[in-house]
Amino acid sequence: MATSDNEKSRLDEAARAGWLYFIAGHTQDEIAKMLQVSRASAQRLVSLCLAERLITFRLEHPIAACMELAARLKDLFHLAYCEVVPTDPAAPLSAAGIAERAANILESTLRTEKPTIVALGTGRAVRAAVERVSPIDCPNHQIVSLVGNISADGSASFFDTVGRLADRTRARHYPMPLPFLMSSERERDQMLKIDPIAKVRAVAAKADLRLVGVGQMDRQAQVHVDGFVSREELLEMMRLGAVGELTGWAFDEAGHLIKGGTNLRLTSIPPRVPAEALTIGAAVGRAKVSAIRAALKGRLLNGLITDEATAGAILKA
């Protein structure tokens, strides 16, 4: 028997309530306010979500609005992969939803029997995803960093992810033991010729999956806030037209890599243009809309994980 429109709408509401309760961690009172229903109705929706098996450890119900946004983004930017998760009304910048979906693709990739190479960027969304990956014994796989993880003061990045994922999977891992930026282009070129560094970069070049964060290039840019570039370096890149960055590589509104500034001294693996292996950006927030759209337009990414609000803004931009 065909499912009625009312029943589909009810299941959609149950899926939203289940996501807010089990993934975003809200109480039933909070959910009732967000969905503008009574507390008893919120409780029934959460119960229906469980009864209909819309949620196990991960949300399996394809919420119609999210699926439609994902399909539109795939068509517009010719993406190989796109996931759109619900926006948490109480925490619109929360990475919980996209981290859960990114963890899902990491796990499904690492559970394959064929030896696989996973390359990771840094950032809050990528680290949050790695923290959600269940322990897996997959020693035949390789995990490699795309980014030099040492900041200007010599400290290691808190958001480095390769070692953490290796702990959870027993996979062989390859960190990038380099400063994020070198003092000159010549020094950078010399460092990249060092044999162990060249070998790490060769592994990264063969990655089957790349998972990266997408950073905006404004006064709140993560590369600046986290101490990898100075205020002067950031302002220089903004003057050169930078609107976003992937693994530190700054690009303009058309998605073209900037020819100058910190890009000349960066040790990170550069993006392939167009992206060849599955290259997924994970990011949310209005501040990142221009950066995400430019990266998609320039084909620096062929995959995206974001939320409803961000996806809608990208499509309207």
C-alpha atoms as a PDB file:
ATOM      1  CA  MET A   1       0.000   0.000   0.000  1.00  0.00           C
ATOM      2  CA  ALA A   2       1.338   3.451  -0.921  1.00  0.00           C
ATOM      3  CA  THR A   3       2.379   5.720   1.917  1.00  0.00           C
ATOM      4  CA  SER A   4       0.094   8.758   2.264  1.00  0.00           C
ATOM      5  CA  ASP A   5       1.428  12.319   2.238  1.00  0.00           C
ATOM      6  CA  ASN A   6       0.303  12.749   5.861  1.00  0.00           C
ATOM      7  CA  GLU A   7       2.191   9.634   6.898  1.00  0.00           C
ATOM      8  CA  LYS A   8       5.344  10.790   5.080  1.00  0.00           C
ATOM      9  CA  SER A   9       5.093  14.178   6.798  1.00  0.00           C
ATOM     10  CA  ARG A  10       4.678  12.457  10.154  1.00  0.00           C
ATOM     11  CA  LEU A  11       7.745  10.303   9.534  1.00  0.00           C
ATOM     12  CA  ASP A  12       9.704  13.412   8.523  1.00  0.00           C
ATOM     13  CA  GLU A  13       8.771  15.076  11.814  1.00  0.00           C
ATOM     14  CA  ALA A  14       9.660  11.901  13.718  1.00  0.00           C
ATOM     15  CA  ALA A  15      13.052  11.791  11.979  1.00  0.00           C
ATOM     16  CA  ARG A  16      13.715  15.436  12.896  1.00  0.00           C
ATOM     17  CA  ALA A  17      12.728  14.803  16.508  1.00  0.00           C
ATOM     18  CA  GLY A  18      14.959  11.709  16.598  1.00  0.00           C
ATOM     19  CA  TRP A  19      17.904  13.650  15.190  1.00  0.00           C
ATOM     20  CA  LEU A  20      17.468  16.469  17.708  1.00  0.00           C
ATOM     21  CA  TYR A  21      17.160  13.991  20.590  1.00  0.00           C
ATOM     22  CA  PHE A  22      19.720  11.284  19.818  1.00  0.00           C
ATOM     23  CA  ILE A  23      22.356  13.186  17.814  1.00  0.00           C
ATOM     24  CA  ALA A  24      22.089  16.849  18.806  1.00  0.00           C
ATOM     25  CA  GLY A  25      21.370  15.892  22.435  1.00  0.00           C
ATOM     26  CA  HIS A  26      18.329  18.091  23.140  1.00  0.00           C
ATOM     27  CA  THR A  27      15.715  17.336  25.791  1.00  0.00           C
ATOM     28  CA  GLN A  28      12.123  16.619  24.838  1.00  0.00           C
ATOM     29  CA  ASP A  29      11.081  19.996  26.276  1.00  0.00           C
ATOM     30  CA  GLU A  30      13.607  21.727  24.005  1.00  0.00           C
ATOM     31  CA  ILE A  31      12.461  19.669  21.005  1.00  0.00           C
ATOM     32  CA  ALA A  32       8.841  20.603  21.677  1.00  0.00           C
ATOM     33  CA  LYS A  33       9.755  24.307  21.515  1.00  0.00           C
ATOM     34  CA  MET A  34      11.850  23.880  18.366  1.00  0.00           C
ATOM     35  CA  LEU A  35       9.148  21.930  16.519  1.00  0.00           C
ATOM     36  CA  GLN A  36       6.359  24.061  18.062  1.00  0.00           C
ATOM     37  CA  VAL A  37       4.465  21.077  19.433  1.00  0.00           C
ATOM     38  CA  SER A  38       3.481  19.960  22.923  1.00  0.00           C
ATOM     39  CA  ARG A  39       5.925  18.004  25.068  1.00  0.00           C
ATOM     40  CA  ALA A  40       3.670  14.939  24.746  1.00  0.00           C
ATOM     41  CA  SER A  41       3.771  15.254  20.953  1.00  0.00           C
ATOM     42  CA  ALA A  42       7.564  15.574  21.017  1.00  0.00           C
ATOM     43  CA  GLN A  43       7.770  12.436  23.133  1.00  0.00           C
ATOM     44  CA  ARG A  44       5.482  10.561  20.716  1.00  0.00           C
ATOM     45  CA  LEU A  45       7.592  11.701  17.738  1.00  0.00           C
ATOM     46  CA  VAL A  46      10.789  10.425  19.376  1.00  0.00           C
ATOM     47  CA  SER A  47       9.027   7.128  20.165  1.00  0.00           C
ATOM     48  CA  LEU A  48       7.759   6.878  16.577  1.00  0.00           C
ATOM     49  CA  CYS A  49      11.302   7.451  15.305  1.00  0.00           C
ATOM     50  CA  LEU A  50      12.422   4.413  17.303  1.00  0.00           C
ATOM     51  CA  ALA A  51       9.362   2.284  16.494  1.00  0.00           C
ATOM     52  CA  GLU A  52       9.776   2.848  12.746  1.00  0.00           C
ATOM     53  CA  ARG A  53      13.514   2.134  13.005  1.00  0.00           C
ATOM     54  CA  LEU A  54      14.327   5.504  11.464  1.00  0.00           C
ATOM     55  CA  ILE A  55      17.323   5.673  13.740  1.00  0.00           C
ATOM     56  CA  THR A  56      19.755   3.075  15.036  1.00  0.00           C
ATOM     57  CA  PHE A  57      23.165   4.433  15.903  1.00  0.00           C
ATOM     58  CA  ARG A  58      22.886   6.771  12.940  1.00  0.00           C
ATOM     59  CA  LEU A  59      19.925   8.512  11.361  1.00  0.00           C
ATOM     60  CA  GLU A  60      18.818   6.368   8.424  1.00  0.00           C
ATOM     61  CA  HIS A  61      15.651   8.230   7.404  1.00  0.00           C
ATOM     62  CA  PRO A  62      16.210  10.390   4.316  1.00  0.00           C
ATOM     63  CA  ILE A  63      14.598  13.664   5.413  1.00  0.00           C
ATOM     64  CA  ALA A  64      12.936  14.985   2.293  1.00  0.00           C
ATOM     65  CA  ALA A  65      14.161  18.592   2.494  1.00  0.00           C
ATOM     66  CA  CYS A  66      17.762  17.509   3.059  1.00  0.00           C
ATOM     67  CA  MET A  67      17.651  15.020   0.222  1.00  0.00           C
ATOM     68  CA  GLU A  68      16.237  17.626  -2.146  1.00  0.00           C
ATOM     69  CA  LEU A  69      18.965  20.143  -1.262  1.00  0.00           C
ATOM     70  CA  ALA A  70      21.648  17.478  -1.717  1.00  0.00           C
ATOM     71  CA  ALA A  71      20.264  16.546  -5.135  1.00  0.00           C
ATOM     72  CA  ARG A  72      20.211  20.195  -6.254  1.00  0.00           C
ATOM     73  CA  LEU A  73      23.818  20.718  -5.119  1.00  0.00           C
ATOM     74  CA  LYS A  74      24.938  17.534  -6.898  1.00  0.00           C
ATOM     75  CA  ASP A  75      23.293  18.636 -10.127  1.00  0.00           C
ATOM     76  CA  LEU A  76      24.514  22.245  -9.979  1.00  0.00           C
ATOM     77  CA  PHE A  77      28.149  21.447  -9.199  1.00  0.00           C
ATOM     78  CA  HIS A  78      28.385  17.945 -10.772  1.00  0.00           C
ATOM     79  CA  LEU A  79      29.303  16.348  -7.447  1.00  0.00           C
ATOM     80  CA  ALA A  80      30.092  12.685  -6.969  1.00  0.00           C
ATOM     81  CA  TYR A  81      28.837  12.777  -3.367  1.00  0.00           C
ATOM     82  CA  CYS A  82      26.671  15.127  -1.308  1.00  0.00           C
ATOM     83  CA  GLU A  83      25.040  14.846   2.115  1.00  0.00           C
ATOM     84  CA  VAL A  84      22.883  17.524   3.740  1.00  0.00           C
ATOM     85  CA  VAL A  85      21.947  17.100   7.414  1.00  0.00           C
ATOM     86  CA  PRO A  86      19.330  18.970   9.446  1.00  0.00           C
ATOM     87  CA  THR A  87      20.338  22.289  10.981  1.00  0.00           C
ATOM     88  CA  ASP A  88      20.183  22.349  14.771  1.00  0.00           C
ATOM     89  CA  PRO A  89      18.025  25.442  15.500  1.00  0.00           C
ATOM     90  CA  ALA A  90      19.634  25.927  18.908  1.00  0.00           C
ATOM     91  CA  ALA A  91      23.206  25.591  17.617  1.00  0.00           C
ATOM     92  CA  PRO A  92      23.323  26.527  13.908  1.00  0.00           C
ATOM     93  CA  LEU A  93      27.123  26.311  13.813  1.00  0.00           C
ATOM     94  CA  SER A  94      27.269  22.885  15.454  1.00  0.00           C
ATOM     95  CA  ALA A  95      29.380  20.339  13.571  1.00  0.00           C
ATOM     96  CA  ALA A  96      27.657  17.349  15.221  1.00  0.00           C
ATOM     97  CA  GLY A  97      25.488  16.458  12.247  1.00  0.00           C
ATOM     98  CA  ILE A  98      28.136  16.766   9.541  1.00  0.00           C
ATOM     99  CA  ALA A  99      30.682  15.003  11.760  1.00  0.00           C
ATOM    100  CA  GLU A 100      28.324  12.057  12.112  1.00  0.00           C
ATOM    101  CA  ARG A 101      27.911  11.749   8.342  1.00  0.00           C
ATOM    102  CA  ALA A 102      31.643  12.220   7.699  1.00  0.00           C
ATOM    103  CA  ALA A 103      32.365   9.506  10.266  1.00  0.00           C
ATOM    104  CA  ASN A 104      29.964   7.258   8.390  1.00  0.00           C
ATOM    105  CA  ILE A 105      31.838   7.589   5.093  1.00  0.00           C
ATOM    106  CA  LEU A 106      35.192   7.135   6.853  1.00  0.00           C
ATOM    107  CA  GLU A 107      33.936   3.931   8.460  1.00  0.00           C
ATOM    108  CA  SER A 108      32.392   2.547   5.281  1.00  0.00           C
ATOM    109  CA  THR A 109      35.630   3.269   3.400  1.00  0.00           C
ATOM    110  CA  LEU A 110      37.832   1.695   6.060  1.00  0.00           C
ATOM    111  CA  ARG A 111      35.656  -1.411   6.365  1.00  0.00           C
ATOM    112  CA  THR A 112      36.364  -2.419   2.759  1.00  0.00           C
ATOM    113  CA  GLU A 113      38.714  -5.364   2.249  1.00  0.00           C
ATOM    114  CA  LYS A 114      40.642  -3.742  -0.590  1.00  0.00           C
ATOM    115  CA  PRO A 115      43.677  -1.808   0.744  1.00  0.00           C
ATOM    116  CA  THR A 116      42.656   1.844   0.826  1.00  0.00           C
ATOM    117  CA  ILE A 117      44.374   5.191   1.383  1.00  0.00           C
ATOM    118  CA  VAL A 118      42.484   7.884   3.304  1.00  0.00           C
ATOM    119  CA  ALA A 119      43.937  11.409   3.305  1.00  0.00           C
ATOM    120  CA  LEU A 120      42.851  13.909   5.952  1.00  0.00           C
ATOM    121  CA  GLY A 121      42.982  17.653   6.348  1.00  0.00           C
ATOM    122  CA  THR A 122      42.713  19.357   9.698  1.00  0.00           C
ATOM    123  CA  GLY A 123      40.039  21.436  11.372  1.00  0.00           C
ATOM    124  CA  ARG A 124      37.162  21.119  13.768  1.00  0.00           C
ATOM    125  CA  ALA A 125      34.756  19.237  11.505  1.00  0.00           C
ATOM    126  CA  VAL A 126      37.345  16.644  10.446  1.00  0.00           C
ATOM    127  CA  ARG A 127      38.502  16.062  14.027  1.00  0.00           C
ATOM    128  CA  ALA A 128      34.903  15.748  15.219  1.00  0.00           C
ATOM    129  CA  ALA A 129      34.308  13.141  12.502  1.00  0.00           C
ATOM    130  CA  VAL A 130      37.373  11.133  13.494  1.00  0.00           C
ATOM    131  CA  GLU A 131      36.235  11.152  17.135  1.00  0.00           C
ATOM    132  CA  ARG A 132      32.985   9.456  16.048  1.00  0.00           C
ATOM    133  CA  VAL A 133      34.626   6.607  14.116  1.00  0.00           C
ATOM    134  CA  SER A 134      34.127   3.273  15.850  1.00  0.00           C
ATOM    135  CA  PRO A 135      37.227   1.161  16.541  1.00  0.00           C
ATOM    136  CA  ILE A 136      38.066  -0.929  13.458  1.00  0.00           C
ATOM    137  CA  ASP A 137      40.948  -3.351  12.935  1.00  0.00           C
ATOM    138  CA  CYS A 138      42.146  -2.526   9.401  1.00  0.00           C
ATOM    139  CA  PRO A 139      45.963  -2.736   9.266  1.00  0.00           C
ATOM    140  CA  ASN A 140      45.982  -3.076   5.471  1.00  0.00           C
ATOM    141  CA  HIS A 141      44.770   0.496   5.013  1.00  0.00           C
ATOM    142  CA  GLN A 142      46.815   3.705   5.120  1.00  0.00           C
ATOM    143  CA  ILE A 143      45.982   7.099   6.595  1.00  0.00           C
ATOM    144  CA  VAL A 144      47.961  10.134   5.487  1.00  0.00           C
ATOM    145  CA  SER A 145      47.977  13.815   6.375  1.00  0.00           C
ATOM    146  CA  LEU A 146      47.505  16.482   3.706  1.00  0.00           C
ATOM    147  CA  VAL A 147      48.750  19.266   5.969  1.00  0.00           C
ATOM    148  CA  GLY A 148      51.927  20.257   7.766  1.00  0.00           C
ATOM    149  CA  ASN A 149      50.902  20.245  11.405  1.00  0.00           C
ATOM    150  CA  ILE A 150      53.448  22.599  13.036  1.00  0.00           C
ATOM    151  CA  SER A 151      52.487  26.236  13.610  1.00  0.00           C
ATOM    152  CA  ALA A 152      54.706  29.307  13.534  1.00  0.00           C
ATOM    153  CA  ASP A 153      55.611  28.999  17.244  1.00  0.00           C
ATOM    154  CA  GLY A 154      56.636  25.345  16.840  1.00  0.00           C
ATOM    155  CA  SER A 155      53.558  23.861  18.518  1.00  0.00           C
ATOM    156  CA  ALA A 156      51.585  21.015  16.970  1.00  0.00           C
ATOM    157  CA  SER A 157      48.023  21.560  15.793  1.00  0.00           C
ATOM    158  CA  PHE A 158      45.303  20.455  18.205  1.00  0.00           C
ATOM    159  CA  PHE A 159      43.190  19.586  15.180  1.00  0.00           C
ATOM    160  CA  ASP A 160      45.643  17.136  13.640  1.00  0.00           C
ATOM    161  CA  THR A 161      43.636  13.974  12.930  1.00  0.00           C
ATOM    162  CA  VAL A 162      45.857  11.323  11.384  1.00  0.00           C
ATOM    163  CA  GLY A 163      47.277   9.894  14.608  1.00  0.00           C
ATOM    164  CA  ARG A 164      43.877   9.817  16.259  1.00  0.00           C
ATOM    165  CA  LEU A 165      42.261   7.882  13.397  1.00  0.00           C
ATOM    166  CA  ALA A 166      45.216   5.490  13.302  1.00  0.00           C
ATOM    167  CA  ASP A 167      44.687   4.763  17.013  1.00  0.00           C
ATOM    168  CA  ARG A 168      41.103   3.780  16.261  1.00  0.00           C
ATOM    169  CA  THR A 169      41.834   1.665  13.192  1.00  0.00           C
ATOM    170  CA  ARG A 170      45.353   0.220  13.587  1.00  0.00           C
ATOM    171  CA  ALA A 171      46.021   1.442  10.067  1.00  0.00           C
ATOM    172  CA  ARG A 172      49.498   2.499   9.046  1.00  0.00           C
ATOM    173  CA  HIS A 173      49.666   6.289   9.180  1.00  0.00           C
ATOM    174  CA  TYR A 174      51.784   9.035   7.679  1.00  0.00           C
ATOM    175  CA  PRO A 175      51.824  12.417   9.433  1.00  0.00           C
ATOM    176  CA  MET A 176      53.228  15.475   7.676  1.00  0.00           C
ATOM    177  CA  PRO A 177      56.083  16.497  10.035  1.00  0.00           C
ATOM    178  CA  LEU A 178      56.532  19.974   8.588  1.00  0.00           C
ATOM    179  CA  PRO A 179      55.746  23.558   9.517  1.00  0.00           C
ATOM    180  CA  PHE A 180      52.497  24.711   7.937  1.00  0.00           C
ATOM    181  CA  LEU A 181      54.463  27.547   6.267  1.00  0.00           C
ATOM    182  CA  MET A 182      58.159  27.870   5.495  1.00  0.00           C
ATOM    183  CA  SER A 183      59.995  31.206   5.581  1.00  0.00           C
ATOM    184  CA  SER A 184      60.494  31.295   1.803  1.00  0.00           C
ATOM    185  CA  GLU A 185      59.452  29.523  -1.367  1.00  0.00           C
ATOM    186  CA  ARG A 186      63.019  28.273  -1.838  1.00  0.00           C
ATOM    187  CA  GLU A 187      63.110  26.785   1.672  1.00  0.00           C
ATOM    188  CA  ARG A 188      59.736  25.114   1.076  1.00  0.00           C
ATOM    189  CA  ASP A 189      60.967  23.533  -2.158  1.00  0.00           C
ATOM    190  CA  GLN A 190      64.079  22.219  -0.407  1.00  0.00           C
ATOM    191  CA  MET A 191      62.075  20.672   2.434  1.00  0.00           C
ATOM    192  CA  LEU A 192      59.723  18.908   0.045  1.00  0.00           C
ATOM    193  CA  LYS A 193      62.690  17.139  -1.558  1.00  0.00           C
ATOM    194  CA  ILE A 194      63.665  15.420   1.710  1.00  0.00           C
ATOM    195  CA  ASP A 195      63.127  11.702   1.122  1.00  0.00           C
ATOM    196  CA  PRO A 196      60.687  10.888   4.001  1.00  0.00           C
ATOM    197  CA  ILE A 197      58.593  13.951   3.125  1.00  0.00           C
ATOM    198  CA  ALA A 198      58.564  13.027  -0.560  1.00  0.00           C
ATOM    199  CA  LYS A 199      57.377   9.518   0.366  1.00  0.00           C
ATOM    200  CA  VAL A 200      54.499  10.868   2.477  1.00  0.00           C
ATOM    201  CA  ARG A 201      53.444  13.116  -0.398  1.00  0.00           C
ATOM    202  CA  ALA A 202      53.596  10.161  -2.794  1.00  0.00           C
ATOM    203  CA  VAL A 203      51.217   8.207  -0.556  1.00  0.00           C
ATOM    204  CA  ALA A 204      48.853  11.199  -0.360  1.00  0.00           C
ATOM    205  CA  ALA A 205      48.860  11.514  -4.154  1.00  0.00           C
ATOM    206  CA  LYS A 206      47.326   8.023  -4.389  1.00  0.00           C
ATOM    207  CA  ALA A 207      44.554   8.618  -1.827  1.00  0.00           C
ATOM    208  CA  ASP A 208      41.182   6.997  -2.548  1.00  0.00           C
ATOM    209  CA  LEU A 209      39.344   9.423  -0.260  1.00  0.00           C
ATOM    210  CA  ARG A 210      40.226  12.952   0.838  1.00  0.00           C
ATOM    211  CA  LEU A 211      38.281  14.512   3.714  1.00  0.00           C
ATOM    212  CA  VAL A 212      38.979  18.190   4.397  1.00  0.00           C
ATOM    213  CA  GLY A 213      37.515  21.169   6.165  1.00  0.00           C
ATOM    214  CA  VAL A 214      36.669  24.361   4.282  1.00  0.00           C
ATOM    215  CA  GLY A 215      37.919  27.577   5.848  1.00  0.00           C
ATOM    216  CA  GLN A 216      36.781  31.119   5.200  1.00  0.00           C
ATOM    217  CA  MET A 217      39.354  33.869   4.606  1.00  0.00           C
ATOM    218  CA  ASP A 218      38.205  36.749   6.760  1.00  0.00           C
ATOM    219  CA  ARG A 219      39.278  38.138  10.132  1.00  0.00           C
ATOM    220  CA  GLN A 220      37.937  34.987  11.803  1.00  0.00           C
ATOM    221  CA  ALA A 221      39.787  32.603   9.468  1.00  0.00           C
ATOM    222  CA  GLN A 222      40.745  29.413  11.278  1.00  0.00           C
ATOM    223  CA  VAL A 223      44.266  29.449   9.841  1.00  0.00           C
ATOM    224  CA  HIS A 224      44.765  32.775  11.622  1.00  0.00           C
ATOM    225  CA  VAL A 225      42.810  32.020  14.815  1.00  0.00           C
ATOM    226  CA  ASP A 226      44.766  28.770  15.247  1.00  0.00           C
ATOM    227  CA  GLY A 227      48.107  30.521  14.797  1.00  0.00           C
ATOM    228  CA  PHE A 228      49.213  29.220  11.404  1.00  0.00           C
ATOM    229  CA  VAL A 229      49.261  32.559   9.593  1.00  0.00           C
ATOM    230  CA  SER A 230      49.818  36.025  10.978  1.00  0.00           C
ATOM    231  CA  ARG A 231      47.380  38.916  10.706  1.00  0.00           C
ATOM    232  CA  GLU A 232      49.594  40.507   8.051  1.00  0.00           C
ATOM    233  CA  GLU A 233      49.723  37.281   6.022  1.00  0.00           C
ATOM    234  CA  LEU A 234      45.954  36.896   6.252  1.00  0.00           C
ATOM    235  CA  LEU A 235      45.322  40.484   5.125  1.00  0.00           C
ATOM    236  CA  GLU A 236      47.722  39.997   2.205  1.00  0.00           C
ATOM    237  CA  MET A 237      45.771  36.954   1.034  1.00  0.00           C
ATOM    238  CA  MET A 238      42.494  38.848   1.362  1.00  0.00           C
ATOM    239  CA  ARG A 239      43.946  41.677  -0.760  1.00  0.00           C
ATOM    240  CA  LEU A 240      44.898  39.066  -3.375  1.00  0.00           C
ATOM    241  CA  GLY A 241      41.245  38.020  -3.538  1.00  0.00           C
ATOM    242  CA  ALA A 242      41.173  34.962  -1.272  1.00  0.00           C
ATOM    243  CA  VAL A 243      37.689  33.940  -0.073  1.00  0.00           C
ATOM    244  CA  GLY A 244      38.487  30.485   1.285  1.00  0.00           C
ATOM    245  CA  GLU A 245      41.099  27.812   1.864  1.00  0.00           C
ATOM    246  CA  LEU A 246      41.437  24.034   1.699  1.00  0.00           C
ATOM    247  CA  THR A 247      44.323  22.576   3.715  1.00  0.00           C
ATOM    248  CA  GLY A 248      45.746  26.098   3.749  1.00  0.00           C
ATOM    249  CA  TRP A 249      45.607  26.615  -0.028  1.00  0.00           C
ATOM    250  CA  ALA A 250      43.805  29.923  -0.555  1.00  0.00           C
ATOM    251  CA  PHE A 251      41.488  30.394  -3.536  1.00  0.00           C
ATOM    252  CA  ASP A 252      39.416  33.209  -5.011  1.00  0.00           C
ATOM    253  CA  GLU A 253      35.662  33.461  -5.630  1.00  0.00           C
ATOM    254  CA  ALA A 254      35.994  31.523  -8.879  1.00  0.00           C
ATOM    255  CA  GLY A 255      37.755  28.667  -7.084  1.00  0.00           C
ATOM    256  CA  HIS A 256      41.161  29.429  -8.598  1.00  0.00           C
ATOM    257  CA  LEU A 257      44.197  28.988  -6.366  1.00  0.00           C
ATOM    258  CA  ILE A 258      45.866  32.295  -5.492  1.00  0.00           C
ATOM    259  CA  LYS A 259      49.223  32.769  -7.246  1.00  0.00           C
ATOM    260  CA  GLY A 260      51.189  34.425  -4.471  1.00  0.00           C
ATOM    261  CA  GLY A 261      51.154  35.172  -0.762  1.00  0.00           C
ATOM    262  CA  THR A 262      51.268  32.247   1.655  1.00  0.00           C
ATOM    263  CA  ASN A 263      50.477  29.783  -1.147  1.00  0.00           C
ATOM    264  CA  LEU A 264      54.119  30.184  -2.245  1.00  0.00           C
ATOM    265  CA  ARG A 265      55.400  28.915   1.118  1.00  0.00           C
ATOM    266  CA  LEU A 266      52.751  26.334   2.021  1.00  0.00           C
ATOM    267  CA  THR A 267      53.840  22.729   2.649  1.00  0.00           C
ATOM    268  CA  SER A 268      50.374  21.134   2.397  1.00  0.00           C
ATOM    269  CA  ILE A 269      49.455  18.834  -0.469  1.00  0.00           C
ATOM    270  CA  PRO A 270      47.792  21.056  -3.103  1.00  0.00           C
ATOM    271  CA  PRO A 271      44.256  20.240  -4.256  1.00  0.00           C
ATOM    272  CA  ARG A 272      43.909  18.418  -7.564  1.00  0.00           C
ATOM    273  CA  VAL A 273      42.087  20.589 -10.118  1.00  0.00           C
ATOM    274  CA  PRO A 274      39.670  19.184 -10.984  1.00  0.00           C
ATOM    275  CA  ALA A 275      39.385  16.817  -8.036  1.00  0.00           C
ATOM    276  CA  GLU A 276      39.955  13.228  -9.161  1.00  0.00           C
ATOM    277  CA  ALA A 277      39.706  10.937  -6.149  1.00  0.00           C
ATOM    278  CA  LEU A 278      36.629  11.473  -3.984  1.00  0.00           C
ATOM    279  CA  THR A 279      37.419  14.799  -2.261  1.00  0.00           C
ATOM    280  CA  ILE A 280      34.840  15.772   0.344  1.00  0.00           C
ATOM    281  CA  GLY A 281      34.624  19.118   2.106  1.00  0.00           C
ATOM    282  CA  ALA A 282      32.840  19.165   5.473  1.00  0.00           C
ATOM    283  CA  ALA A 283      31.683  22.593   6.681  1.00  0.00           C
ATOM    284  CA  VAL A 284      28.707  24.559   8.020  1.00  0.00           C
ATOM    285  CA  GLY A 285      27.881  28.180   8.713  1.00  0.00           C
ATOM    286  CA  ARG A 286      26.951  31.353   6.858  1.00  0.00           C
ATOM    287  CA  ALA A 287      30.520  32.651   7.154  1.00  0.00           C
ATOM    288  CA  LYS A 288      31.697  29.730   5.016  1.00  0.00           C
ATOM    289  CA  VAL A 289      29.095  29.958   2.253  1.00  0.00           C
ATOM    290  CA  SER A 290      31.296  31.983  -0.140  1.00  0.00           C
ATOM    291  CA  ALA A 291      34.262  29.685   0.479  1.00  0.00           C
ATOM    292  CA  ILE A 292      32.254  26.488  -0.036  1.00  0.00           C
ATOM    293  CA  ARG A 293      30.574  27.774  -3.185  1.00  0.00           C
ATOM    294  CA  ALA A 294      33.897  28.916  -4.668  1.00  0.00           C
ATOM    295  CA  ALA A 295      35.557  25.550  -3.913  1.00  0.00           C
ATOM    296  CA  LEU A 296      32.669  23.758  -5.622  1.00  0.00           C
ATOM    297  CA  LYS A 297      32.657  26.158  -8.568  1.00  0.00           C
ATOM    298  CA  GLY A 298      36.401  25.714  -9.078  1.00  0.00           C
ATOM    299  CA  ARG A 299      36.052  21.910  -8.815  1.00  0.00           C
ATOM    300  CA  LEU A 300      38.472  21.768  -5.919  1.00  0.00           C
ATOM    301  CA  LEU A 301      35.906  19.475  -4.289  1.00  0.00           C
ATOM    302  CA  ASN A 302      33.700  16.804  -5.816  1.00  0.00           C
ATOM    303  CA  GLY A 303      31.931  15.990  -2.568  1.00  0.00           C
ATOM    304  CA  LEU A 304      30.258  17.990   0.206  1.00  0.00           C
ATOM    305  CA  ILE A 305      28.804  17.396   3.663  1.00  0.00           C
ATOM    306  CA  THR A 306      26.914  20.382   5.077  1.00  0.00           C
ATOM    307  CA  ASP A 307      23.621  21.305   6.762  1.00  0.00           C
ATOM    308  CA  GLU A 308      20.261  22.586   5.527  1.00  0.00           C
ATOM    309  CA  ALA A 309      20.860  26.264   6.275  1.00  0.00           C
ATOM    310  CA  THR A 310      24.290  26.317   4.634  1.00  0.00           C
ATOM    311  CA  ALA A 311      23.111  24.309   1.619  1.00  0.00           C
ATOM    312  CA  GLY A 312      20.201  26.697   1.088  1.00  0.00           C
ATOM    313  CA  ALA A 313      22.505  29.718   1.281  1.00  0.00           C
ATOM    314  CA  ILE A 314      24.943  28.176  -1.223  1.00  0.00           C
ATOM    315  CA  LEU A 315      22.121  27.623  -3.696  1.00  0.00           C
ATOM    316  CA  LYS A 316      20.853  31.201  -3.263  1.00  0.00           C
ATOM    317  CA  ALA A 317      24.308  32.827  -3.524  1.00  0.00           C
END
